[in-house]
């Protein structure tokens, strides 16, 4: 169960009581932060570097086996087409979706975003199959409902949206989108 408040732009996940910010971008309603639902902790969902402080800042990282059961009722894991619609609406600019802090500078370039749409992408990093945890401060990846290509928002502000193969990832963040009515 979940409770969506379209006036306050929040979603309360009644499974654990967590309240998420939401944002309307074009015709889509997104959860404006990474999911932080503790699902089979330690086997299907993880905090970066196994530290709870990272879950409170960046949300949890989820395995591909758990990705399709994380979103609350009446919300779902977006597919690549829904991500493409989001990016097309924003002019294919990754910087307008990125948070305005938290990104590690790349050389002398400021890699923070402008967060123009309130989507607040933070560089939560990920867990790889072979190398453990990496990417905190510089990478944002997100699971998609099906397929091998996942959206990737890099530290460098560039256009257009990038998709990368998901084969090397053990656990990455999840953003949810509201079901159509």
N, C-alpha and C. Protein backbone atom coordinates (compact mmCIF):
# COMPACT_ATOMS: atom_id res chain seq x y z
N UNK A 1 0.83 -1.18 0.00
CA UNK A 1 0.00 0.00 0.00
C UNK A 1 0.88 1.25 0.00
N UNK A 2 0.32 2.30 -0.55
CA UNK A 2 1.00 3.59 -0.56
C UNK A 2 -0.04 4.70 -0.64
N UNK A 3 0.37 5.88 -0.21
CA UNK A 3 -0.52 7.04 -0.26
C UNK A 3 0.19 8.15 -0.99
N UNK A 4 -0.37 8.54 -2.15
CA UNK A 4 0.18 9.63 -2.95
C UNK A 4 -0.58 10.91 -2.65
N UNK A 5 0.14 11.96 -2.31
CA UNK A 5 -0.45 13.27 -2.06
C UNK A 5 0.00 14.21 -3.17
N UNK A 6 -0.89 14.46 -4.13
CA UNK A 6 -0.52 15.28 -5.29
C UNK A 6 -0.37 16.76 -4.95
N UNK A 7 -0.94 17.19 -3.83
CA UNK A 7 -0.81 18.59 -3.40
C UNK A 7 0.54 18.81 -2.72
N UNK A 8 0.89 17.93 -1.80
CA UNK A 8 2.16 18.05 -1.07
C UNK A 8 3.33 17.45 -1.85
N UNK A 9 3.05 16.79 -2.98
CA UNK A 9 4.07 16.13 -3.79
C UNK A 9 4.88 15.14 -2.97
N UNK A 10 4.15 14.22 -2.33
CA UNK A 10 4.79 13.17 -1.54
C UNK A 10 4.11 11.82 -1.80
N UNK A 11 4.85 10.79 -1.53
CA UNK A 11 4.34 9.44 -1.55
C UNK A 11 4.76 8.79 -0.24
N UNK A 12 3.79 8.28 0.50
CA UNK A 12 4.09 7.54 1.73
C UNK A 12 4.00 6.06 1.42
N UNK A 13 5.12 5.38 1.61
CA UNK A 13 5.17 3.93 1.40
C UNK A 13 4.74 3.28 2.71
N UNK A 14 3.54 2.72 2.74
CA UNK A 14 2.99 2.17 3.97
C UNK A 14 3.65 0.87 4.40
N UNK A 15 4.50 0.30 3.56
CA UNK A 15 5.23 -0.90 3.98
C UNK A 15 6.19 -0.59 5.12
N UNK A 16 6.76 0.65 5.10
CA UNK A 16 7.73 1.01 6.15
C UNK A 16 7.52 2.44 6.68
N UNK A 17 6.54 3.17 6.13
CA UNK A 17 6.25 4.52 6.58
C UNK A 17 7.13 5.60 5.98
N UNK A 18 8.05 5.22 5.09
CA UNK A 18 8.95 6.21 4.49
C UNK A 18 8.17 7.15 3.58
N UNK A 19 8.46 8.45 3.69
CA UNK A 19 7.82 9.46 2.86
C UNK A 19 8.84 9.94 1.82
N UNK A 20 8.46 9.84 0.55
CA UNK A 20 9.31 10.25 -0.56
C UNK A 20 8.76 11.51 -1.21
N UNK A 21 9.65 12.37 -1.70
CA UNK A 21 9.25 13.50 -2.51
C UNK A 21 8.88 12.98 -3.89
N UNK A 22 7.91 13.63 -4.52
CA UNK A 22 7.54 13.29 -5.90
C UNK A 22 7.63 14.55 -6.75
N UNK A 23 7.67 14.35 -8.05
CA UNK A 23 7.75 15.47 -8.98
C UNK A 23 7.02 15.10 -10.27
N UNK A 24 6.33 16.08 -10.83
CA UNK A 24 5.66 15.90 -12.12
C UNK A 24 6.56 16.53 -13.17
N UNK A 25 6.93 15.71 -14.16
CA UNK A 25 7.75 16.20 -15.27
C UNK A 25 7.04 15.79 -16.55
N UNK A 26 6.52 16.78 -17.25
CA UNK A 26 5.70 16.49 -18.42
C UNK A 26 4.43 15.79 -17.97
N UNK A 27 4.15 14.64 -18.54
CA UNK A 27 2.97 13.84 -18.19
C UNK A 27 3.29 12.77 -17.15
N UNK A 28 4.55 12.68 -16.73
CA UNK A 28 4.98 11.63 -15.82
C UNK A 28 5.08 12.12 -14.38
N UNK A 29 4.76 11.24 -13.43
CA UNK A 29 4.95 11.52 -12.01
C UNK A 29 6.01 10.55 -11.50
N UNK A 30 7.10 11.10 -11.01
CA UNK A 30 8.25 10.31 -10.55
C UNK A 30 8.45 10.48 -9.05
N UNK A 31 8.99 9.45 -8.42
CA UNK A 31 9.53 9.62 -7.07
C UNK A 31 10.85 10.36 -7.26
N UNK A 32 11.03 11.47 -6.56
CA UNK A 32 12.16 12.37 -6.79
C UNK A 32 13.36 12.05 -5.90
N UNK A 33 13.47 10.82 -5.51
CA UNK A 33 14.63 10.35 -4.77
C UNK A 33 14.74 8.84 -4.95
N UNK A 34 15.88 8.29 -4.63
CA UNK A 34 16.08 6.85 -4.78
C UNK A 34 15.29 6.11 -3.70
N UNK A 35 14.79 4.95 -4.09
CA UNK A 35 14.05 4.12 -3.13
C UNK A 35 14.96 3.72 -1.98
N UNK A 36 14.33 3.63 -0.80
CA UNK A 36 15.07 3.24 0.40
C UNK A 36 14.30 2.19 1.19
N UNK A 37 13.59 1.34 0.48
CA UNK A 37 12.81 0.27 1.08
C UNK A 37 13.74 -0.91 1.37
N UNK A 38 13.83 -1.29 2.62
CA UNK A 38 14.74 -2.37 3.04
C UNK A 38 14.12 -3.71 2.67
N UNK A 39 14.52 -4.23 1.54
CA UNK A 39 14.00 -5.49 1.03
C UNK A 39 15.07 -6.57 1.16
N UNK A 40 14.84 -7.55 2.01
CA UNK A 40 15.80 -8.63 2.23
C UNK A 40 17.22 -8.08 2.34
N UNK A 41 17.41 -7.18 3.29
CA UNK A 41 18.69 -6.48 3.47
C UNK A 41 19.84 -7.47 3.52
N UNK A 42 20.91 -7.13 2.81
CA UNK A 42 22.11 -7.95 2.79
C UNK A 42 22.12 -9.01 1.71
N UNK A 43 20.94 -9.30 1.13
CA UNK A 43 20.91 -10.27 0.04
C UNK A 43 20.26 -9.71 -1.22
N UNK A 44 19.30 -8.79 -1.07
CA UNK A 44 18.61 -8.20 -2.22
C UNK A 44 18.67 -6.68 -2.24
N UNK A 45 19.01 -6.06 -1.10
CA UNK A 45 19.18 -4.60 -1.05
C UNK A 45 20.32 -4.28 -0.10
N UNK A 46 21.05 -3.22 -0.45
CA UNK A 46 22.27 -2.90 0.27
C UNK A 46 22.42 -1.39 0.45
N UNK A 47 23.09 -1.01 1.49
CA UNK A 47 23.58 0.36 1.62
C UNK A 47 24.97 0.38 1.00
N UNK A 48 25.32 1.48 0.35
CA UNK A 48 26.66 1.60 -0.23
C UNK A 48 27.69 1.29 0.86
N UNK A 49 28.65 0.46 0.51
CA UNK A 49 29.73 0.09 1.41
C UNK A 49 29.21 -0.53 2.72
N UNK A 50 27.99 -1.05 2.68
CA UNK A 50 27.33 -1.67 3.85
C UNK A 50 27.21 -0.71 5.03
N UNK A 51 27.06 0.57 4.76
CA UNK A 51 26.96 1.59 5.80
C UNK A 51 25.60 2.28 5.73
N UNK A 52 24.85 2.23 6.83
CA UNK A 52 23.52 2.84 6.89
C UNK A 52 23.53 4.34 6.57
N UNK A 53 24.64 5.02 6.85
CA UNK A 53 24.69 6.47 6.58
C UNK A 53 24.48 6.75 5.09
N UNK A 54 24.94 5.84 4.23
CA UNK A 54 24.76 6.05 2.80
C UNK A 54 23.31 5.80 2.38
N UNK A 55 22.63 4.88 3.04
CA UNK A 55 21.21 4.67 2.72
C UNK A 55 20.40 5.92 3.04
N UNK A 56 20.71 6.57 4.14
CA UNK A 56 19.95 7.77 4.50
C UNK A 56 20.23 8.91 3.52
N UNK A 57 21.40 8.94 2.92
CA UNK A 57 21.73 10.00 1.96
C UNK A 57 21.30 9.67 0.53
N UNK A 58 21.51 8.41 0.13
CA UNK A 58 21.37 8.05 -1.28
C UNK A 58 20.33 6.97 -1.58
N UNK A 59 19.68 6.44 -0.56
CA UNK A 59 18.78 5.32 -0.78
C UNK A 59 19.56 4.02 -0.87
N UNK A 60 18.83 2.95 -1.15
CA UNK A 60 19.44 1.63 -1.19
C UNK A 60 19.82 1.23 -2.61
N UNK A 61 20.69 0.25 -2.70
CA UNK A 61 21.07 -0.38 -3.97
C UNK A 61 20.37 -1.73 -4.00
N UNK A 62 19.80 -2.08 -5.16
CA UNK A 62 19.01 -3.31 -5.28
C UNK A 62 19.57 -4.21 -6.36
N UNK A 63 19.41 -5.53 -6.16
CA UNK A 63 19.84 -6.49 -7.16
C UNK A 63 18.81 -6.57 -8.29
N UNK A 64 19.23 -7.15 -9.40
CA UNK A 64 18.29 -7.31 -10.52
C UNK A 64 17.18 -8.28 -10.16
N UNK A 65 17.44 -9.22 -9.24
CA UNK A 65 16.39 -10.16 -8.82
C UNK A 65 15.28 -9.48 -8.03
N UNK A 66 15.61 -8.38 -7.35
CA UNK A 66 14.60 -7.72 -6.52
C UNK A 66 13.99 -6.48 -7.17
N UNK A 67 14.55 -6.02 -8.25
CA UNK A 67 14.18 -4.72 -8.81
C UNK A 67 12.69 -4.55 -9.12
N UNK A 68 12.02 -5.60 -9.52
CA UNK A 68 10.62 -5.47 -9.93
C UNK A 68 9.62 -5.54 -8.79
N UNK A 69 10.08 -5.70 -7.54
CA UNK A 69 9.16 -5.75 -6.40
C UNK A 69 9.39 -4.59 -5.42
N UNK A 70 10.23 -3.64 -5.76
CA UNK A 70 10.61 -2.57 -4.84
C UNK A 70 9.62 -1.40 -4.86
N UNK A 71 9.12 -1.02 -5.99
CA UNK A 71 8.23 0.14 -6.07
C UNK A 71 6.92 -0.14 -5.32
N UNK A 72 6.40 0.88 -4.64
CA UNK A 72 5.13 0.72 -3.91
C UNK A 72 3.96 0.47 -4.86
N UNK A 73 2.86 0.04 -4.28
CA UNK A 73 1.64 -0.19 -5.03
C UNK A 73 1.26 1.06 -5.83
N UNK A 74 0.82 0.86 -7.06
CA UNK A 74 0.41 1.91 -8.01
C UNK A 74 1.59 2.70 -8.57
N UNK A 75 2.79 2.21 -8.35
CA UNK A 75 4.02 2.76 -8.90
C UNK A 75 4.79 1.59 -9.49
N UNK A 76 5.67 1.86 -10.45
CA UNK A 76 6.41 0.77 -11.05
C UNK A 76 7.82 1.21 -11.44
N UNK A 77 8.64 0.22 -11.68
CA UNK A 77 9.99 0.44 -12.19
C UNK A 77 9.85 0.87 -13.65
N UNK A 78 10.39 2.01 -14.02
CA UNK A 78 10.22 2.48 -15.40
C UNK A 78 11.01 1.61 -16.39
N UNK A 79 10.52 1.58 -17.61
CA UNK A 79 11.29 0.93 -18.67
C UNK A 79 12.14 1.99 -19.38
N UNK A 80 12.95 1.57 -20.31
CA UNK A 80 13.85 2.51 -20.98
C UNK A 80 13.08 3.57 -21.76
N UNK A 81 11.91 3.23 -22.29
CA UNK A 81 11.11 4.22 -23.02
C UNK A 81 10.65 5.34 -22.10
N UNK A 82 10.25 5.00 -20.87
CA UNK A 82 9.81 6.03 -19.92
C UNK A 82 10.98 6.94 -19.54
N UNK A 83 12.18 6.38 -19.42
CA UNK A 83 13.36 7.22 -19.18
C UNK A 83 13.62 8.13 -20.38
N UNK A 84 13.48 7.60 -21.58
CA UNK A 84 13.69 8.40 -22.78
C UNK A 84 12.68 9.55 -22.88
N UNK A 85 11.43 9.30 -22.50
CA UNK A 85 10.41 10.35 -22.49
C UNK A 85 10.82 11.45 -21.51
N UNK A 86 11.27 11.04 -20.33
CA UNK A 86 11.74 12.02 -19.33
C UNK A 86 12.87 12.87 -19.90
N UNK A 87 13.86 12.24 -20.48
CA UNK A 87 15.01 13.00 -20.99
C UNK A 87 14.64 13.87 -22.18
N UNK A 88 13.75 13.38 -23.04
CA UNK A 88 13.32 14.20 -24.17
C UNK A 88 12.62 15.47 -23.66
N UNK A 89 11.75 15.32 -22.63
CA UNK A 89 11.04 16.46 -22.08
C UNK A 89 12.01 17.50 -21.50
N UNK A 90 13.11 17.04 -20.95
CA UNK A 90 14.08 17.94 -20.32
C UNK A 90 15.14 18.43 -21.31
N UNK A 91 14.93 18.19 -22.59
CA UNK A 91 15.88 18.64 -23.59
C UNK A 91 17.14 17.81 -23.64
N UNK A 92 17.06 16.57 -23.16
CA UNK A 92 18.21 15.66 -23.13
C UNK A 92 19.41 16.22 -22.37
N UNK A 93 19.14 17.05 -21.41
CA UNK A 93 20.20 17.63 -20.58
C UNK A 93 20.29 16.90 -19.25
N UNK A 94 21.35 16.16 -19.01
CA UNK A 94 21.47 15.45 -17.73
C UNK A 94 21.63 16.43 -16.57
N UNK A 95 22.22 17.58 -16.81
CA UNK A 95 22.50 18.53 -15.73
C UNK A 95 21.22 19.05 -15.06
N UNK A 96 20.10 19.14 -15.80
CA UNK A 96 18.87 19.69 -15.22
C UNK A 96 18.18 18.70 -14.28
N UNK A 97 18.58 17.44 -14.32
CA UNK A 97 18.01 16.42 -13.43
C UNK A 97 18.91 16.13 -12.24
N UNK A 98 20.16 16.52 -12.34
CA UNK A 98 21.12 16.24 -11.27
C UNK A 98 20.96 17.23 -10.12
N UNK A 99 21.19 16.74 -8.90
CA UNK A 99 21.17 17.60 -7.72
C UNK A 99 22.23 18.68 -7.86
N UNK A 100 22.02 19.79 -7.19
CA UNK A 100 22.96 20.91 -7.31
C UNK A 100 24.13 20.80 -6.33
N UNK A 101 24.29 19.63 -5.71
CA UNK A 101 25.43 19.37 -4.84
C UNK A 101 25.68 17.87 -4.80
N UNK A 102 26.82 17.48 -4.26
CA UNK A 102 27.10 16.07 -4.04
C UNK A 102 27.91 15.38 -5.11
N UNK A 103 28.12 16.03 -6.23
CA UNK A 103 28.89 15.42 -7.31
C UNK A 103 30.36 15.85 -7.20
N UNK A 104 31.26 14.91 -7.33
CA UNK A 104 32.70 15.19 -7.26
C UNK A 104 33.12 15.89 -8.54
N UNK A 105 33.84 17.02 -8.45
CA UNK A 105 34.29 17.72 -9.66
C UNK A 105 35.16 16.82 -10.53
N UNK A 106 35.02 16.97 -11.84
CA UNK A 106 35.81 16.22 -12.80
C UNK A 106 36.86 17.18 -13.33
N UNK A 107 38.09 17.02 -12.86
CA UNK A 107 39.12 17.99 -13.19
C UNK A 107 38.74 19.33 -12.60
N UNK A 108 38.67 20.35 -13.43
CA UNK A 108 38.27 21.68 -12.97
C UNK A 108 36.79 21.95 -13.24
N UNK A 109 36.12 20.98 -13.84
CA UNK A 109 34.72 21.17 -14.21
C UNK A 109 33.79 20.90 -13.03
N UNK A 110 32.87 21.83 -12.81
CA UNK A 110 31.82 21.62 -11.80
C UNK A 110 30.85 20.59 -12.38
N UNK A 111 30.68 19.49 -11.70
CA UNK A 111 29.81 18.43 -12.22
C UNK A 111 28.46 18.39 -11.53
N UNK A 112 28.19 19.30 -10.61
CA UNK A 112 26.87 19.38 -10.01
C UNK A 112 25.86 19.79 -11.08
N UNK A 113 24.61 19.48 -10.84
CA UNK A 113 23.57 19.86 -11.77
C UNK A 113 22.85 21.12 -11.32
N UNK A 114 21.79 21.45 -12.05
CA UNK A 114 20.97 22.61 -11.70
C UNK A 114 19.67 22.20 -11.03
N UNK A 115 19.31 20.93 -11.13
CA UNK A 115 18.09 20.38 -10.52
C UNK A 115 16.85 21.19 -10.90
N UNK A 116 16.81 21.67 -12.12
CA UNK A 116 15.71 22.51 -12.59
C UNK A 116 14.33 21.88 -12.44
N UNK A 117 14.25 20.56 -12.51
CA UNK A 117 12.96 19.88 -12.45
C UNK A 117 12.67 19.26 -11.09
N UNK A 118 13.59 19.39 -10.14
CA UNK A 118 13.38 18.82 -8.82
C UNK A 118 13.54 17.31 -8.77
N UNK A 119 14.20 16.73 -9.76
CA UNK A 119 14.38 15.28 -9.84
C UNK A 119 15.49 14.79 -8.91
N UNK A 120 16.44 15.64 -8.60
CA UNK A 120 17.44 15.44 -7.55
C UNK A 120 18.26 14.15 -7.67
N UNK A 121 18.87 13.95 -8.81
CA UNK A 121 19.74 12.78 -8.96
C UNK A 121 21.05 13.04 -8.22
N UNK A 122 21.34 12.16 -7.25
CA UNK A 122 22.61 12.18 -6.53
C UNK A 122 23.45 11.00 -7.00
N UNK A 123 24.77 11.12 -6.95
CA UNK A 123 25.65 10.05 -7.41
C UNK A 123 25.79 8.96 -6.35
N UNK A 124 24.83 8.04 -6.33
CA UNK A 124 24.74 7.03 -5.28
C UNK A 124 25.71 5.87 -5.45
N UNK A 125 26.39 5.80 -6.60
CA UNK A 125 27.30 4.69 -6.84
C UNK A 125 26.54 3.40 -7.09
N UNK A 126 27.27 2.30 -7.03
CA UNK A 126 26.69 0.99 -7.31
C UNK A 126 27.61 -0.11 -6.79
N UNK A 127 27.13 -1.32 -6.87
CA UNK A 127 27.93 -2.49 -6.48
C UNK A 127 28.11 -3.35 -7.72
N UNK A 128 29.37 -3.69 -8.03
CA UNK A 128 29.63 -4.54 -9.19
C UNK A 128 29.74 -5.99 -8.74
N UNK A 129 29.66 -6.88 -9.70
CA UNK A 129 29.77 -8.31 -9.42
C UNK A 129 31.17 -8.65 -8.94
N UNK A 130 32.18 -8.04 -9.54
CA UNK A 130 33.56 -8.39 -9.22
C UNK A 130 34.28 -7.43 -8.29
N UNK A 131 34.02 -6.13 -8.41
CA UNK A 131 34.85 -5.13 -7.74
C UNK A 131 34.25 -4.52 -6.48
N UNK A 132 33.08 -4.91 -6.08
CA UNK A 132 32.48 -4.33 -4.88
C UNK A 132 31.84 -2.99 -5.16
N UNK A 133 31.92 -2.08 -4.20
CA UNK A 133 31.26 -0.78 -4.30
C UNK A 133 32.15 0.23 -5.01
N UNK A 134 31.53 1.03 -5.87
CA UNK A 134 32.28 2.05 -6.61
C UNK A 134 31.30 3.12 -7.12
N UNK A 135 31.83 4.24 -7.57
CA UNK A 135 31.02 5.26 -8.22
C UNK A 135 30.37 6.28 -7.32
N UNK A 136 30.53 6.16 -5.99
CA UNK A 136 29.92 7.14 -5.10
C UNK A 136 30.51 8.52 -5.38
N UNK A 137 29.65 9.50 -5.61
CA UNK A 137 30.10 10.86 -5.91
C UNK A 137 30.26 11.14 -7.39
N UNK A 138 30.24 10.09 -8.22
CA UNK A 138 30.49 10.33 -9.63
C UNK A 138 29.53 9.63 -10.60
N UNK A 139 28.72 8.70 -10.12
CA UNK A 139 27.89 7.93 -11.04
C UNK A 139 26.47 7.76 -10.52
N UNK A 140 25.53 7.80 -11.45
CA UNK A 140 24.14 7.49 -11.12
C UNK A 140 23.61 6.55 -12.20
N UNK A 141 23.28 5.35 -11.79
CA UNK A 141 22.69 4.33 -12.66
C UNK A 141 21.34 3.96 -12.07
N UNK A 142 20.44 3.48 -12.92
CA UNK A 142 19.11 3.09 -12.44
C UNK A 142 18.63 1.85 -13.18
N UNK A 143 18.03 0.93 -12.43
CA UNK A 143 17.44 -0.25 -13.05
C UNK A 143 16.27 0.15 -13.93
N UNK A 144 16.02 -0.63 -14.95
CA UNK A 144 14.81 -0.54 -15.77
C UNK A 144 14.05 -1.85 -15.64
N UNK A 145 12.78 -1.79 -15.98
CA UNK A 145 11.89 -2.95 -15.80
C UNK A 145 12.38 -4.18 -16.54
N UNK A 146 12.77 -4.01 -17.78
CA UNK A 146 13.26 -5.14 -18.57
C UNK A 146 14.32 -4.64 -19.53
N UNK A 147 15.14 -5.56 -19.96
CA UNK A 147 16.20 -5.23 -20.90
C UNK A 147 17.55 -5.13 -20.21
N UNK A 148 18.58 -5.10 -21.04
CA UNK A 148 19.96 -5.10 -20.55
C UNK A 148 20.60 -3.72 -20.50
N UNK A 149 19.94 -2.70 -21.04
CA UNK A 149 20.50 -1.35 -21.08
C UNK A 149 19.85 -0.50 -20.00
N UNK A 150 20.67 0.13 -19.16
CA UNK A 150 20.18 0.95 -18.05
C UNK A 150 20.62 2.40 -18.23
N UNK A 151 19.81 3.37 -17.76
CA UNK A 151 20.21 4.77 -17.87
C UNK A 151 21.38 5.07 -16.94
N UNK A 152 22.26 5.90 -17.44
CA UNK A 152 23.49 6.26 -16.73
C UNK A 152 23.67 7.77 -16.81
N UNK A 153 23.76 8.40 -15.66
CA UNK A 153 24.01 9.83 -15.60
C UNK A 153 25.42 10.00 -15.02
N UNK A 154 26.36 10.44 -15.86
CA UNK A 154 27.76 10.53 -15.43
C UNK A 154 28.06 11.83 -14.70
N UNK A 155 29.27 11.88 -14.14
CA UNK A 155 29.69 13.09 -13.46
C UNK A 155 29.81 14.27 -14.41
N UNK A 156 30.22 14.02 -15.63
CA UNK A 156 30.35 15.10 -16.61
C UNK A 156 28.97 15.45 -17.14
N UNK A 157 28.64 16.74 -17.17
CA UNK A 157 27.34 17.18 -17.69
C UNK A 157 27.38 17.13 -19.21
N UNK A 158 26.63 16.17 -19.74
CA UNK A 158 26.62 16.01 -21.19
C UNK A 158 25.23 15.66 -21.69
N UNK A 159 25.14 15.67 -23.00
CA UNK A 159 23.91 15.34 -23.69
C UNK A 159 24.26 14.25 -24.70
N UNK A 160 23.45 13.37 -25.07
CA UNK A 160 22.13 13.06 -24.53
C UNK A 160 22.24 12.02 -23.42
N UNK A 161 21.09 11.47 -23.04
CA UNK A 161 21.05 10.39 -22.06
C UNK A 161 21.90 9.23 -22.56
N UNK A 162 22.64 8.64 -21.64
CA UNK A 162 23.44 7.47 -21.96
C UNK A 162 22.79 6.22 -21.38
N UNK A 163 22.91 5.12 -22.09
CA UNK A 163 22.52 3.82 -21.58
C UNK A 163 23.74 2.93 -21.62
N UNK A 164 23.93 2.12 -20.58
CA UNK A 164 25.05 1.19 -20.51
C UNK A 164 24.51 -0.21 -20.25
N UNK A 165 25.29 -1.21 -20.61
CA UNK A 165 24.89 -2.59 -20.34
C UNK A 165 24.92 -2.88 -18.85
N UNK A 166 23.96 -3.63 -18.38
CA UNK A 166 23.82 -3.88 -16.95
C UNK A 166 24.52 -5.16 -16.46
N UNK A 167 25.20 -5.87 -17.32
CA UNK A 167 25.75 -7.19 -16.98
C UNK A 167 26.74 -7.19 -15.82
N UNK A 168 27.48 -6.12 -15.61
CA UNK A 168 28.50 -6.10 -14.56
C UNK A 168 27.99 -5.60 -13.22
N UNK A 169 26.73 -5.24 -13.14
CA UNK A 169 26.19 -4.64 -11.93
C UNK A 169 25.53 -5.69 -11.03
N UNK A 170 25.83 -5.63 -9.75
CA UNK A 170 25.16 -6.49 -8.78
C UNK A 170 23.99 -5.74 -8.15
N UNK A 171 24.22 -4.46 -7.79
CA UNK A 171 23.16 -3.68 -7.13
C UNK A 171 23.30 -2.21 -7.50
N UNK A 172 22.17 -1.60 -7.89
CA UNK A 172 22.13 -0.18 -8.23
C UNK A 172 20.81 0.41 -7.72
N UNK A 173 20.69 1.75 -7.71
CA UNK A 173 19.47 2.40 -7.21
C UNK A 173 18.25 2.18 -8.11
N UNK A 174 17.11 2.53 -7.53
CA UNK A 174 15.83 2.45 -8.24
C UNK A 174 15.08 3.76 -8.06
N UNK A 175 14.53 4.26 -9.17
CA UNK A 175 13.54 5.33 -9.16
C UNK A 175 12.23 4.72 -9.64
N UNK A 176 11.12 5.17 -9.10
CA UNK A 176 9.81 4.65 -9.48
C UNK A 176 8.99 5.73 -10.14
N UNK A 177 8.09 5.29 -11.01
CA UNK A 177 7.20 6.18 -11.73
C UNK A 177 5.76 5.72 -11.45
N UNK A 178 4.84 6.69 -11.39
CA UNK A 178 3.44 6.40 -11.06
C UNK A 178 2.78 5.69 -12.23
N UNK A 179 1.97 4.69 -11.91
CA UNK A 179 1.19 3.99 -12.94
C UNK A 179 0.24 4.97 -13.60
N UNK A 180 -0.04 4.76 -14.88
CA UNK A 180 -1.05 5.56 -15.58
C UNK A 180 -2.42 5.21 -15.03
N UNK A 181 -3.29 6.21 -15.01
CA UNK A 181 -4.63 5.95 -14.46
C UNK A 181 -5.63 5.61 -15.51
